[in-house]
Amino acid sequence: MNAAGKHVLLAGGTSTAGLATTRALVAAGARVTATGRSMPRLAPLVDAGAVAVVADATSLREMSELAAELTDVDAVIPLVGGWRGGGGLAGQSDDDLHALMPAFEAVRATSRAFDHVLRASDAGRFAIVSSTAVGRPLAGGANYAAVKAASEAWARAVAQGFAKAAREAEEPLRAASVIWRVKALDPDVLAAATLALWDADASELNDRVVTL
């Protein structure tokens, strides 16, 4: 099994990493739908072969509306990110925490909206980008590490949901939730990891934490 023919949603995919992943997926024969908050920011992804949709990846309503239209999605990857930190614990401001929260909100909204779609796929995949900071949080990055840890917990809950649904239906597990931990996000490494989502069966991938 490989990425050819798969339909991948890059939610909040207007970053350099989103563009690199789009190019790799299209070159591999996959279809890409990318969301962002404005069409000008999505234009480079359209040029790379993606279908662009103006939608907020942190909004459950907008993601649910999109899921109602895209009933054949095989993978969902929320790429809303960002970093703020420094100043030790005293420097972990509420403003910084609030600025980081959209990354977690996107994980929640996309997984909830597309849960049934991914479980219906022959090889559904949900993958998030986390950080090695979760394994060794520092005082100056406590806000960031906490948000990433929450995202990981949510992605693991998605994995348990996939396994439970398959078990109750007495069917093989076909959907997997994966956590990618990075120290610094390399767009090309992320693109390669996305292509590799179908290199193993869901039973081998589900609830895995992979350091890139």
N, C-alpha and C. Protein backbone atom coordinates (compact mmCIF):
# COMPACT_ATOMS: atom_id res chain seq x y z
N MET A 1 0.84 -1.18 0.00
CA MET A 1 0.00 0.00 0.00
C MET A 1 0.88 1.24 0.00
N ASN A 2 0.50 2.25 -0.79
CA ASN A 2 1.27 3.48 -0.81
C ASN A 2 0.33 4.67 -0.95
N ALA A 3 0.91 5.85 -1.11
CA ALA A 3 0.10 7.07 -1.12
C ALA A 3 -0.66 7.29 -2.42
N ALA A 4 -0.32 6.57 -3.46
CA ALA A 4 -0.99 6.77 -4.75
C ALA A 4 -2.49 6.53 -4.61
N GLY A 5 -3.26 7.48 -5.10
CA GLY A 5 -4.70 7.37 -5.05
C GLY A 5 -5.34 7.80 -3.75
N LYS A 6 -4.54 8.08 -2.73
CA LYS A 6 -5.09 8.51 -1.45
C LYS A 6 -5.49 9.98 -1.51
N HIS A 7 -6.48 10.32 -0.71
CA HIS A 7 -6.94 11.71 -0.61
C HIS A 7 -6.54 12.24 0.76
N VAL A 8 -5.68 13.24 0.79
CA VAL A 8 -5.10 13.75 2.03
C VAL A 8 -5.58 15.18 2.27
N LEU A 9 -6.06 15.42 3.48
CA LEU A 9 -6.44 16.77 3.88
C LEU A 9 -5.35 17.37 4.75
N LEU A 10 -4.78 18.48 4.30
CA LEU A 10 -3.82 19.24 5.08
C LEU A 10 -4.57 20.44 5.65
N ALA A 11 -4.91 20.37 6.92
CA ALA A 11 -5.73 21.39 7.55
C ALA A 11 -4.84 22.48 8.12
N GLY A 12 -5.00 23.69 7.65
CA GLY A 12 -4.08 24.76 8.04
C GLY A 12 -2.73 24.53 7.39
N GLY A 13 -2.75 24.19 6.10
CA GLY A 13 -1.55 23.73 5.42
C GLY A 13 -0.78 24.77 4.64
N THR A 14 -0.90 26.05 5.01
CA THR A 14 -0.28 27.10 4.20
C THR A 14 1.18 27.37 4.55
N SER A 15 1.76 26.58 5.44
CA SER A 15 3.16 26.76 5.82
C SER A 15 4.09 26.16 4.77
N THR A 16 5.39 26.40 4.95
CA THR A 16 6.39 25.77 4.09
C THR A 16 6.30 24.26 4.16
N ALA A 17 6.04 23.73 5.35
CA ALA A 17 5.88 22.28 5.52
C ALA A 17 4.68 21.77 4.75
N GLY A 18 3.60 22.53 4.76
CA GLY A 18 2.41 22.14 4.00
C GLY A 18 2.67 22.11 2.51
N LEU A 19 3.44 23.09 2.04
CA LEU A 19 3.75 23.14 0.61
C LEU A 19 4.64 21.97 0.20
N ALA A 20 5.66 21.67 1.00
CA ALA A 20 6.55 20.55 0.70
C ALA A 20 5.78 19.23 0.71
N THR A 21 4.87 19.08 1.66
CA THR A 21 4.09 17.86 1.75
C THR A 21 3.13 17.74 0.57
N THR A 22 2.55 18.84 0.17
CA THR A 22 1.67 18.83 -1.01
C THR A 22 2.43 18.38 -2.24
N ARG A 23 3.59 18.94 -2.46
CA ARG A 23 4.38 18.58 -3.64
C ARG A 23 4.73 17.10 -3.63
N ALA A 24 5.12 16.57 -2.47
CA ALA A 24 5.49 15.16 -2.39
C ALA A 24 4.29 14.25 -2.63
N LEU A 25 3.15 14.61 -2.06
CA LEU A 25 1.95 13.80 -2.24
C LEU A 25 1.48 13.80 -3.69
N VAL A 26 1.45 14.96 -4.29
CA VAL A 26 1.01 15.05 -5.69
C VAL A 26 1.95 14.26 -6.60
N ALA A 27 3.25 14.36 -6.34
CA ALA A 27 4.23 13.61 -7.13
C ALA A 27 4.04 12.10 -6.97
N ALA A 28 3.52 11.69 -5.80
CA ALA A 28 3.31 10.26 -5.54
C ALA A 28 1.96 9.77 -6.04
N GLY A 29 1.18 10.66 -6.63
CA GLY A 29 -0.11 10.26 -7.18
C GLY A 29 -1.28 10.39 -6.23
N ALA A 30 -1.09 11.14 -5.15
CA ALA A 30 -2.18 11.36 -4.19
C ALA A 30 -2.94 12.63 -4.55
N ARG A 31 -4.14 12.74 -4.01
CA ARG A 31 -4.92 13.96 -4.12
C ARG A 31 -4.79 14.73 -2.81
N VAL A 32 -4.70 16.03 -2.91
CA VAL A 32 -4.51 16.87 -1.72
C VAL A 32 -5.59 17.95 -1.69
N THR A 33 -6.24 18.05 -0.55
CA THR A 33 -7.08 19.20 -0.26
C THR A 33 -6.42 19.96 0.88
N ALA A 34 -6.23 21.25 0.69
CA ALA A 34 -5.55 22.06 1.71
C ALA A 34 -6.49 23.18 2.16
N THR A 35 -6.51 23.41 3.45
CA THR A 35 -7.32 24.50 3.97
C THR A 35 -6.42 25.60 4.53
N GLY A 36 -6.95 26.80 4.49
CA GLY A 36 -6.29 27.96 5.05
C GLY A 36 -7.32 29.06 5.21
N ARG A 37 -6.91 30.16 5.80
CA ARG A 37 -7.88 31.22 6.08
C ARG A 37 -8.03 32.24 4.96
N SER A 38 -7.21 32.15 3.93
CA SER A 38 -7.36 33.07 2.80
C SER A 38 -6.83 32.41 1.54
N MET A 39 -7.47 32.72 0.42
CA MET A 39 -7.05 32.13 -0.83
C MET A 39 -5.66 32.58 -1.28
N PRO A 40 -5.27 33.83 -1.04
CA PRO A 40 -3.89 34.20 -1.42
C PRO A 40 -2.84 33.34 -0.73
N ARG A 41 -3.04 32.99 0.52
CA ARG A 41 -2.07 32.15 1.23
C ARG A 41 -2.10 30.72 0.71
N LEU A 42 -3.22 30.31 0.15
CA LEU A 42 -3.36 28.96 -0.38
C LEU A 42 -2.86 28.84 -1.82
N ALA A 43 -2.62 29.97 -2.47
CA ALA A 43 -2.26 29.97 -3.89
C ALA A 43 -1.04 29.09 -4.21
N PRO A 44 0.04 29.11 -3.42
CA PRO A 44 1.18 28.25 -3.73
C PRO A 44 0.83 26.76 -3.71
N LEU A 45 -0.10 26.37 -2.84
CA LEU A 45 -0.51 24.97 -2.78
C LEU A 45 -1.35 24.59 -3.99
N VAL A 46 -2.16 25.54 -4.46
CA VAL A 46 -2.91 25.30 -5.70
C VAL A 46 -1.94 25.11 -6.86
N ASP A 47 -0.92 25.95 -6.92
CA ASP A 47 0.09 25.82 -7.97
C ASP A 47 0.79 24.47 -7.89
N ALA A 48 0.89 23.91 -6.69
CA ALA A 48 1.56 22.62 -6.50
C ALA A 48 0.63 21.44 -6.76
N GLY A 49 -0.65 21.73 -7.01
CA GLY A 49 -1.57 20.66 -7.37
C GLY A 49 -2.67 20.36 -6.37
N ALA A 50 -2.77 21.15 -5.31
CA ALA A 50 -3.80 20.91 -4.30
C ALA A 50 -5.11 21.60 -4.69
N VAL A 51 -6.19 21.08 -4.13
CA VAL A 51 -7.48 21.78 -4.16
C VAL A 51 -7.56 22.60 -2.89
N ALA A 52 -7.82 23.88 -3.02
CA ALA A 52 -7.81 24.78 -1.87
C ALA A 52 -9.22 25.07 -1.39
N VAL A 53 -9.36 25.10 -0.06
CA VAL A 53 -10.63 25.44 0.57
C VAL A 53 -10.35 26.45 1.66
N VAL A 54 -11.03 27.58 1.61
CA VAL A 54 -10.89 28.57 2.67
C VAL A 54 -11.74 28.10 3.85
N ALA A 55 -11.09 27.69 4.91
CA ALA A 55 -11.79 27.20 6.10
C ALA A 55 -10.83 27.25 7.28
N ASP A 56 -11.39 27.42 8.46
CA ASP A 56 -10.63 27.54 9.69
C ASP A 56 -10.46 26.15 10.31
N ALA A 57 -9.24 25.66 10.37
CA ALA A 57 -8.98 24.32 10.89
C ALA A 57 -9.27 24.19 12.37
N THR A 58 -9.41 25.31 13.08
CA THR A 58 -9.70 25.24 14.52
C THR A 58 -11.20 25.24 14.80
N SER A 59 -12.01 25.38 13.76
CA SER A 59 -13.46 25.47 13.93
C SER A 59 -14.12 24.12 13.66
N LEU A 60 -14.77 23.57 14.68
CA LEU A 60 -15.47 22.30 14.49
C LEU A 60 -16.59 22.45 13.46
N ARG A 61 -17.27 23.58 13.48
CA ARG A 61 -18.35 23.78 12.52
C ARG A 61 -17.83 23.77 11.09
N GLU A 62 -16.77 24.52 10.83
CA GLU A 62 -16.25 24.59 9.46
C GLU A 62 -15.63 23.27 9.03
N MET A 63 -14.95 22.57 9.94
CA MET A 63 -14.39 21.27 9.59
C MET A 63 -15.49 20.23 9.38
N SER A 64 -16.55 20.31 10.14
CA SER A 64 -17.68 19.37 9.96
C SER A 64 -18.37 19.61 8.62
N GLU A 65 -18.51 20.88 8.25
CA GLU A 65 -19.09 21.19 6.94
C GLU A 65 -18.22 20.64 5.82
N LEU A 66 -16.92 20.74 6.00
CA LEU A 66 -16.00 20.22 4.99
C LEU A 66 -16.06 18.70 4.95
N ALA A 67 -16.15 18.06 6.10
CA ALA A 67 -16.24 16.60 6.15
C ALA A 67 -17.51 16.09 5.47
N ALA A 68 -18.56 16.89 5.52
CA ALA A 68 -19.81 16.49 4.86
C ALA A 68 -19.66 16.52 3.34
N GLU A 69 -18.73 17.35 2.86
CA GLU A 69 -18.48 17.43 1.42
C GLU A 69 -17.44 16.42 0.96
N LEU A 70 -16.41 16.22 1.78
CA LEU A 70 -15.30 15.34 1.41
C LEU A 70 -15.48 14.00 2.11
N THR A 71 -16.22 13.11 1.49
CA THR A 71 -16.56 11.84 2.14
C THR A 71 -15.55 10.73 1.85
N ASP A 72 -14.49 11.05 1.10
CA ASP A 72 -13.54 10.00 0.71
C ASP A 72 -12.11 10.31 1.17
N VAL A 73 -11.98 11.05 2.26
CA VAL A 73 -10.65 11.43 2.75
C VAL A 73 -9.98 10.22 3.42
N ASP A 74 -8.71 10.00 3.09
CA ASP A 74 -7.94 8.89 3.65
C ASP A 74 -6.97 9.31 4.74
N ALA A 75 -6.66 10.59 4.81
CA ALA A 75 -5.74 11.06 5.84
C ALA A 75 -6.04 12.52 6.17
N VAL A 76 -5.94 12.84 7.45
CA VAL A 76 -6.10 14.21 7.92
C VAL A 76 -4.87 14.57 8.73
N ILE A 77 -4.24 15.68 8.35
CA ILE A 77 -3.04 16.14 9.04
C ILE A 77 -3.22 17.61 9.39
N PRO A 78 -3.50 17.93 10.65
CA PRO A 78 -3.59 19.34 11.04
C PRO A 78 -2.19 19.93 11.17
N LEU A 79 -1.97 21.05 10.50
CA LEU A 79 -0.63 21.65 10.48
C LEU A 79 -0.60 23.04 11.09
N VAL A 80 -1.61 23.38 11.86
CA VAL A 80 -1.59 24.66 12.58
C VAL A 80 -0.51 24.57 13.65
N GLY A 81 0.39 25.53 13.67
CA GLY A 81 1.51 25.47 14.61
C GLY A 81 1.92 26.83 15.11
N GLY A 82 3.19 26.92 15.49
CA GLY A 82 3.72 28.17 16.04
C GLY A 82 4.46 27.91 17.32
N TRP A 83 5.29 28.86 17.70
CA TRP A 83 6.07 28.71 18.94
C TRP A 83 6.20 30.06 19.62
N ARG A 84 6.05 30.04 20.93
CA ARG A 84 6.36 31.20 21.76
C ARG A 84 6.96 30.67 23.05
N GLY A 85 7.95 31.36 23.57
CA GLY A 85 8.56 30.89 24.80
C GLY A 85 9.65 31.81 25.29
N GLY A 86 10.36 31.33 26.29
CA GLY A 86 11.44 32.09 26.89
C GLY A 86 11.03 32.72 28.20
N GLY A 87 12.02 33.14 28.96
CA GLY A 87 11.75 33.87 30.19
C GLY A 87 11.45 32.99 31.39
N GLY A 88 11.76 31.69 31.31
CA GLY A 88 11.47 30.81 32.44
C GLY A 88 9.99 30.73 32.72
N LEU A 89 9.62 30.18 33.86
CA LEU A 89 8.21 30.07 34.20
C LEU A 89 7.54 31.43 34.30
N ALA A 90 8.27 32.42 34.82
CA ALA A 90 7.69 33.75 34.95
C ALA A 90 7.35 34.35 33.59
N GLY A 91 8.03 33.90 32.55
CA GLY A 91 7.79 34.43 31.21
C GLY A 91 6.71 33.71 30.45
N GLN A 92 6.08 32.70 31.05
CA GLN A 92 5.03 31.95 30.36
C GLN A 92 3.70 32.67 30.49
N SER A 93 3.50 33.65 29.64
CA SER A 93 2.34 34.53 29.77
C SER A 93 1.06 33.88 29.26
N ASP A 94 -0.07 34.41 29.73
CA ASP A 94 -1.36 33.96 29.25
C ASP A 94 -1.52 34.27 27.76
N ASP A 95 -1.00 35.40 27.33
CA ASP A 95 -1.10 35.75 25.91
C ASP A 95 -0.37 34.73 25.05
N ASP A 96 0.80 34.31 25.50
CA ASP A 96 1.54 33.30 24.74
C ASP A 96 0.78 31.98 24.70
N LEU A 97 0.21 31.58 25.82
CA LEU A 97 -0.56 30.34 25.86
C LEU A 97 -1.74 30.41 24.90
N HIS A 98 -2.45 31.51 24.91
CA HIS A 98 -3.60 31.67 24.03
C HIS A 98 -3.18 31.65 22.57
N ALA A 99 -2.01 32.19 22.27
CA ALA A 99 -1.51 32.19 20.90
C ALA A 99 -1.15 30.79 20.43
N LEU A 100 -0.78 29.92 21.36
CA LEU A 100 -0.40 28.55 21.02
C LEU A 100 -1.59 27.60 20.94
N MET A 101 -2.69 27.96 21.57
CA MET A 101 -3.83 27.05 21.67
C MET A 101 -4.46 26.65 20.33
N PRO A 102 -4.41 27.48 19.27
CA PRO A 102 -5.01 27.03 18.01
C PRO A 102 -4.44 25.72 17.49
N ALA A 103 -3.18 25.41 17.80
CA ALA A 103 -2.62 24.13 17.36
C ALA A 103 -3.40 22.97 17.97
N PHE A 104 -3.71 23.07 19.26
CA PHE A 104 -4.50 22.04 19.92
C PHE A 104 -5.94 22.04 19.42
N GLU A 105 -6.49 23.23 19.23
CA GLU A 105 -7.86 23.34 18.76
C GLU A 105 -8.03 22.71 17.38
N ALA A 106 -7.02 22.82 16.53
CA ALA A 106 -7.09 22.21 15.21
C ALA A 106 -7.06 20.70 15.29
N VAL A 107 -6.25 20.16 16.22
CA VAL A 107 -6.22 18.71 16.42
C VAL A 107 -7.61 18.22 16.84
N ARG A 108 -8.22 18.92 17.77
CA ARG A 108 -9.55 18.53 18.25
C ARG A 108 -10.60 18.63 17.15
N ALA A 109 -10.63 19.77 16.47
CA ALA A 109 -11.69 20.00 15.49
C ALA A 109 -11.60 19.04 14.31
N THR A 110 -10.40 18.87 13.78
CA THR A 110 -10.27 18.01 12.59
C THR A 110 -10.53 16.55 12.92
N SER A 111 -10.04 16.08 14.06
CA SER A 111 -10.25 14.67 14.41
C SER A 111 -11.72 14.38 14.67
N ARG A 112 -12.40 15.28 15.32
CA ARG A 112 -13.83 15.08 15.61
C ARG A 112 -14.65 15.12 14.32
N ALA A 113 -14.36 16.07 13.46
CA ALA A 113 -15.15 16.22 12.25
C ALA A 113 -14.96 15.07 11.27
N PHE A 114 -13.73 14.56 11.19
CA PHE A 114 -13.42 13.54 10.18
C PHE A 114 -13.30 12.12 10.74
N ASP A 115 -13.67 11.93 11.99
CA ASP A 115 -13.54 10.61 12.60
C ASP A 115 -14.27 9.54 11.80
N HIS A 116 -15.53 9.78 11.48
CA HIS A 116 -16.30 8.76 10.75
C HIS A 116 -15.78 8.58 9.33
N VAL A 117 -15.24 9.65 8.74
CA VAL A 117 -14.71 9.56 7.38
C VAL A 117 -13.45 8.68 7.36
N LEU A 118 -12.57 8.89 8.32
CA LEU A 118 -11.34 8.11 8.37
C LEU A 118 -11.61 6.65 8.70
N ARG A 119 -12.59 6.40 9.56
CA ARG A 119 -12.92 5.02 9.89
C ARG A 119 -13.57 4.30 8.71
N ALA A 120 -14.19 5.05 7.81
CA ALA A 120 -14.80 4.45 6.62
C ALA A 120 -13.78 4.16 5.53
N SER A 121 -12.62 4.80 5.59
CA SER A 121 -11.58 4.58 4.58
C SER A 121 -10.97 3.19 4.74
N ASP A 122 -10.45 2.65 3.65
CA ASP A 122 -9.74 1.37 3.71
C ASP A 122 -8.41 1.50 4.44
N ALA A 123 -7.90 2.73 4.53
CA ALA A 123 -6.61 2.96 5.19
C ALA A 123 -6.57 4.38 5.72
N GLY A 124 -7.43 4.68 6.68
CA GLY A 124 -7.51 6.03 7.22
C GLY A 124 -6.32 6.34 8.12
N ARG A 125 -5.85 7.57 8.04
CA ARG A 125 -4.72 7.99 8.86
C ARG A 125 -4.99 9.38 9.43
N PHE A 126 -4.68 9.54 10.72
CA PHE A 126 -4.70 10.85 11.37
C PHE A 126 -3.32 11.04 11.96
N ALA A 127 -2.67 12.14 11.64
CA ALA A 127 -1.29 12.35 12.11
C ALA A 127 -1.12 13.78 12.57
N ILE A 128 -0.40 13.95 13.69
CA ILE A 128 -0.14 15.29 14.20
C ILE A 128 1.37 15.50 14.35
N VAL A 129 1.76 16.75 14.29
CA VAL A 129 3.15 17.13 14.52
C VAL A 129 3.28 17.61 15.96
N SER A 130 4.04 16.88 16.75
CA SER A 130 4.30 17.26 18.14
C SER A 130 5.76 17.66 18.27
N SER A 131 6.26 17.66 19.47
CA SER A 131 7.61 18.14 19.73
C SER A 131 8.33 17.25 20.73
N THR A 132 9.65 17.15 20.58
CA THR A 132 10.45 16.43 21.56
C THR A 132 10.41 17.13 22.92
N ALA A 133 9.92 18.37 22.94
CA ALA A 133 9.79 19.08 24.21
C ALA A 133 8.83 18.38 25.16
N VAL A 134 7.92 17.58 24.63
CA VAL A 134 6.98 16.85 25.48
C VAL A 134 7.74 15.88 26.38
N GLY A 135 8.79 15.28 25.83
CA GLY A 135 9.58 14.33 26.60
C GLY A 135 10.51 14.98 27.60
N ARG A 136 10.88 16.22 27.36
CA ARG A 136 11.76 16.94 28.29
C ARG A 136 11.38 18.42 28.29
N PRO A 137 10.28 18.75 28.95
CA PRO A 137 9.82 20.14 28.97
C PRO A 137 10.75 21.03 29.78
N LEU A 138 10.96 22.23 29.26
CA LEU A 138 11.80 23.22 29.93
C LEU A 138 10.94 24.36 30.45
N ALA A 139 11.43 25.03 31.48
CA ALA A 139 10.65 26.12 32.08
C ALA A 139 10.33 27.20 31.05
N GLY A 140 11.30 27.50 30.20
CA GLY A 140 11.08 28.56 29.22
C GLY A 140 10.17 28.18 28.07
N GLY A 141 9.80 26.92 28.00
CA GLY A 141 8.88 26.48 26.95
C GLY A 141 7.72 25.71 27.52
N ALA A 142 7.35 26.00 28.77
CA ALA A 142 6.31 25.24 29.45
C ALA A 142 4.96 25.35 28.75
N ASN A 143 4.60 26.56 28.29
CA ASN A 143 3.34 26.72 27.57
C ASN A 143 3.31 25.83 26.33
N TYR A 144 4.38 25.90 25.57
CA TYR A 144 4.47 25.15 24.32
C TYR A 144 4.41 23.65 24.57
N ALA A 145 5.20 23.17 25.53
CA ALA A 145 5.22 21.74 25.83
C ALA A 145 3.86 21.26 26.32
N ALA A 146 3.18 22.09 27.11
CA ALA A 146 1.88 21.71 27.63
C ALA A 146 0.85 21.56 26.51
N VAL A 147 0.88 22.48 25.54
CA VAL A 147 -0.05 22.41 24.42
C VAL A 147 0.24 21.18 23.57
N LYS A 148 1.52 20.90 23.35
CA LYS A 148 1.88 19.72 22.56
C LYS A 148 1.50 18.44 23.30
N ALA A 149 1.69 18.42 24.62
CA ALA A 149 1.32 17.25 25.40
C ALA A 149 -0.18 17.01 25.34
N ALA A 150 -0.96 18.08 25.38
CA ALA A 150 -2.41 17.95 25.26
C ALA A 150 -2.79 17.41 23.88
N SER A 151 -2.10 17.87 22.86
CA SER A 151 -2.37 17.38 21.50
C SER A 151 -2.05 15.90 21.38
N GLU A 152 -0.95 15.49 22.01
CA GLU A 152 -0.59 14.07 21.98
C GLU A 152 -1.64 13.23 22.70
N ALA A 153 -2.10 13.71 23.84
CA ALA A 153 -3.13 12.97 24.57
C ALA A 153 -4.38 12.81 23.72
N TRP A 154 -4.74 13.87 23.02
CA TRP A 154 -5.93 13.81 22.17
C TRP A 154 -5.72 12.83 21.03
N ALA A 155 -4.55 12.86 20.39
CA ALA A 155 -4.27 11.94 19.28
C ALA A 155 -4.27 10.49 19.75
N ARG A 156 -3.83 10.25 20.96
CA ARG A 156 -3.86 8.89 21.51
C ARG A 156 -5.29 8.46 21.78
N ALA A 157 -6.13 9.40 22.19
CA ALA A 157 -7.55 9.09 22.37
C ALA A 157 -8.20 8.75 21.02
N VAL A 158 -7.79 9.45 19.98
CA VAL A 158 -8.27 9.12 18.63
C VAL A 158 -7.88 7.68 18.28
N ALA A 159 -6.65 7.31 18.61
CA ALA A 159 -6.17 5.95 18.34
C ALA A 159 -7.02 4.92 19.08
N GLN A 160 -7.33 5.19 20.35
CA GLN A 160 -8.15 4.26 21.11
C GLN A 160 -9.55 4.16 20.50
N GLY A 161 -10.07 5.28 20.03
CA GLY A 161 -11.38 5.27 19.39
C GLY A 161 -11.40 4.43 18.12
N PHE A 162 -10.35 4.55 17.32
CA PHE A 162 -10.26 3.72 16.11
C PHE A 162 -10.25 2.24 16.48
N ALA A 163 -9.43 1.88 17.47
CA ALA A 163 -9.31 0.48 17.86
C ALA A 163 -10.63 -0.05 18.43
N LYS A 164 -11.29 0.74 19.25
CA LYS A 164 -12.54 0.33 19.86
C LYS A 164 -13.62 0.12 18.80
N ALA A 165 -13.71 1.04 17.84
CA ALA A 165 -14.72 0.92 16.80
C ALA A 165 -14.51 -0.34 15.96
N ALA A 166 -13.25 -0.64 15.64
CA ALA A 166 -12.97 -1.84 14.86
C ALA A 166 -13.29 -3.10 15.65
N ARG A 167 -12.94 -3.09 16.93
CA ARG A 167 -13.20 -4.25 17.78
C ARG A 167 -14.69 -4.50 17.93
N GLU A 168 -15.46 -3.45 18.15
CA GLU A 168 -16.90 -3.62 18.33
C GLU A 168 -17.59 -4.04 17.04
N ALA A 169 -17.05 -3.63 15.91
CA ALA A 169 -17.61 -4.03 14.62
C ALA A 169 -17.10 -5.39 14.17
N GLU A 170 -16.16 -5.95 14.95
CA GLU A 170 -15.53 -7.23 14.61
C GLU A 170 -14.91 -7.18 13.22
N GLU A 171 -14.21 -6.07 12.98
CA GLU A 171 -13.54 -5.85 11.71
C GLU A 171 -12.06 -5.58 11.95
N PRO A 172 -11.22 -5.80 10.94
CA PRO A 172 -9.81 -5.45 11.11
C PRO A 172 -9.64 -3.95 11.30
N LEU A 173 -8.61 -3.56 12.03
CA LEU A 173 -8.31 -2.14 12.21
C LEU A 173 -7.77 -1.58 10.91
N ARG A 174 -8.43 -0.54 10.40
CA ARG A 174 -7.99 0.06 9.13
C ARG A 174 -7.54 1.51 9.30
N ALA A 175 -7.85 2.11 10.43
CA ALA A 175 -7.49 3.51 10.67
C ALA A 175 -6.44 3.59 11.76
N ALA A 176 -5.54 4.54 11.63
CA ALA A 176 -4.46 4.70 12.60
C ALA A 176 -4.23 6.17 12.91
N SER A 177 -3.95 6.44 14.18
CA SER A 177 -3.58 7.79 14.62
C SER A 177 -2.12 7.77 15.04
N VAL A 178 -1.34 8.68 14.48
CA VAL A 178 0.12 8.68 14.64
C VAL A 178 0.58 10.05 15.16
N ILE A 179 1.56 10.03 16.04
CA ILE A 179 2.17 11.26 16.56
C ILE A 179 3.60 11.36 16.04
N TRP A 180 3.91 12.46 15.39
CA TRP A 180 5.29 12.73 14.96
C TRP A 180 5.90 13.73 15.93
N ARG A 181 7.01 13.38 16.53
CA ARG A 181 7.74 14.32 17.38
C ARG A 181 8.95 14.85 16.63
N VAL A 182 9.11 16.16 16.65
CA VAL A 182 10.25 16.78 15.99
C VAL A 182 10.91 17.75 16.96
N LYS A 183 12.21 17.92 16.79
CA LYS A 183 12.91 18.96 17.55
C LYS A 183 12.77 20.28 16.81
N ALA A 184 12.98 20.24 15.51
CA ALA A 184 12.74 21.39 14.63
C ALA A 184 12.14 20.82 13.36
N LEU A 185 11.05 21.38 12.92
CA LEU A 185 10.32 20.82 11.80
C LEU A 185 11.05 21.06 10.48
N ASP A 186 11.43 19.96 9.83
CA ASP A 186 12.04 20.00 8.51
C ASP A 186 10.95 19.65 7.50
N PRO A 187 10.58 20.57 6.61
CA PRO A 187 9.49 20.32 5.67
C PRO A 187 9.67 19.05 4.84
N ASP A 188 10.88 18.78 4.39
CA ASP A 188 11.10 17.60 3.56
C ASP A 188 10.96 16.31 4.37
N VAL A 189 11.38 16.35 5.62
CA VAL A 189 11.23 15.17 6.49
C VAL A 189 9.75 14.91 6.76
N LEU A 190 8.99 15.97 6.98
CA LEU A 190 7.56 15.81 7.20
C LEU A 190 6.90 15.24 5.95
N ALA A 191 7.30 15.71 4.79
CA ALA A 191 6.73 15.20 3.55
C ALA A 191 7.00 13.71 3.39
N ALA A 192 8.22 13.29 3.69
CA ALA A 192 8.57 11.87 3.59
C ALA A 192 7.78 11.04 4.59
N ALA A 193 7.60 11.57 5.80
CA ALA A 193 6.83 10.85 6.82
C ALA A 193 5.38 10.69 6.40
N THR A 194 4.84 11.69 5.74
CA THR A 194 3.46 11.61 5.26
C THR A 194 3.32 10.51 4.22
N LEU A 195 4.25 10.45 3.30
CA LEU A 195 4.20 9.39 2.28
C LEU A 195 4.31 8.01 2.93
N ALA A 196 5.04 7.92 4.04
CA ALA A 196 5.26 6.63 4.69
C ALA A 196 4.08 6.18 5.56
N LEU A 197 3.03 6.98 5.65
CA LEU A 197 1.89 6.62 6.48
C LEU A 197 1.24 5.32 6.02
N TRP A 198 1.45 4.96 4.77
CA TRP A 198 0.83 3.74 4.25
C TRP A 198 1.85 2.63 4.02
N ASP A 199 3.02 2.77 4.62
CA ASP A 199 4.05 1.73 4.49
C ASP A 199 3.81 0.57 5.44
N ALA A 200 2.93 0.76 6.41
CA ALA A 200 2.64 -0.30 7.38
C ALA A 200 1.13 -0.36 7.60
N ASP A 201 0.67 -1.50 8.08
CA ASP A 201 -0.75 -1.67 8.38
C ASP A 201 -1.14 -0.78 9.56
N ALA A 202 -2.43 -0.49 9.63
CA ALA A 202 -2.94 0.34 10.72
C ALA A 202 -2.63 -0.26 12.08
N SER A 203 -2.67 -1.57 12.19
CA SER A 203 -2.41 -2.22 13.48
C SER A 203 -0.99 -1.97 13.97
N GLU A 204 -0.06 -1.71 13.05
CA GLU A 204 1.33 -1.42 13.43
C GLU A 204 1.53 0.06 13.73
N LEU A 205 0.71 0.91 13.13
CA LEU A 205 0.89 2.35 13.25
C LEU A 205 0.06 2.98 14.36
N ASN A 206 -1.09 2.41 14.65
CA ASN A 206 -2.02 3.08 15.55
C ASN A 206 -1.42 3.29 16.93
N ASP A 207 -1.53 4.52 17.42
CA ASP A 207 -1.04 4.92 18.75
C ASP A 207 0.48 4.92 18.84
N ARG A 208 1.15 5.08 17.71
CA ARG A 208 2.61 5.15 17.73
C ARG A 208 3.10 6.58 17.84
N VAL A 209 4.19 6.76 18.57
CA VAL A 209 4.91 8.03 18.62
C VAL A 209 6.21 7.84 17.85
N VAL A 210 6.39 8.61 16.79
CA VAL A 210 7.55 8.47 15.92
C VAL A 210 8.37 9.75 15.98
N THR A 211 9.64 9.62 16.29
CA THR A 211 10.53 10.79 16.29
C THR A 211 11.12 10.97 14.92
N LEU A 212 10.91 12.14 14.34
CA LEU A 212 11.43 12.42 13.00
C LEU A 212 12.76 13.18 13.09
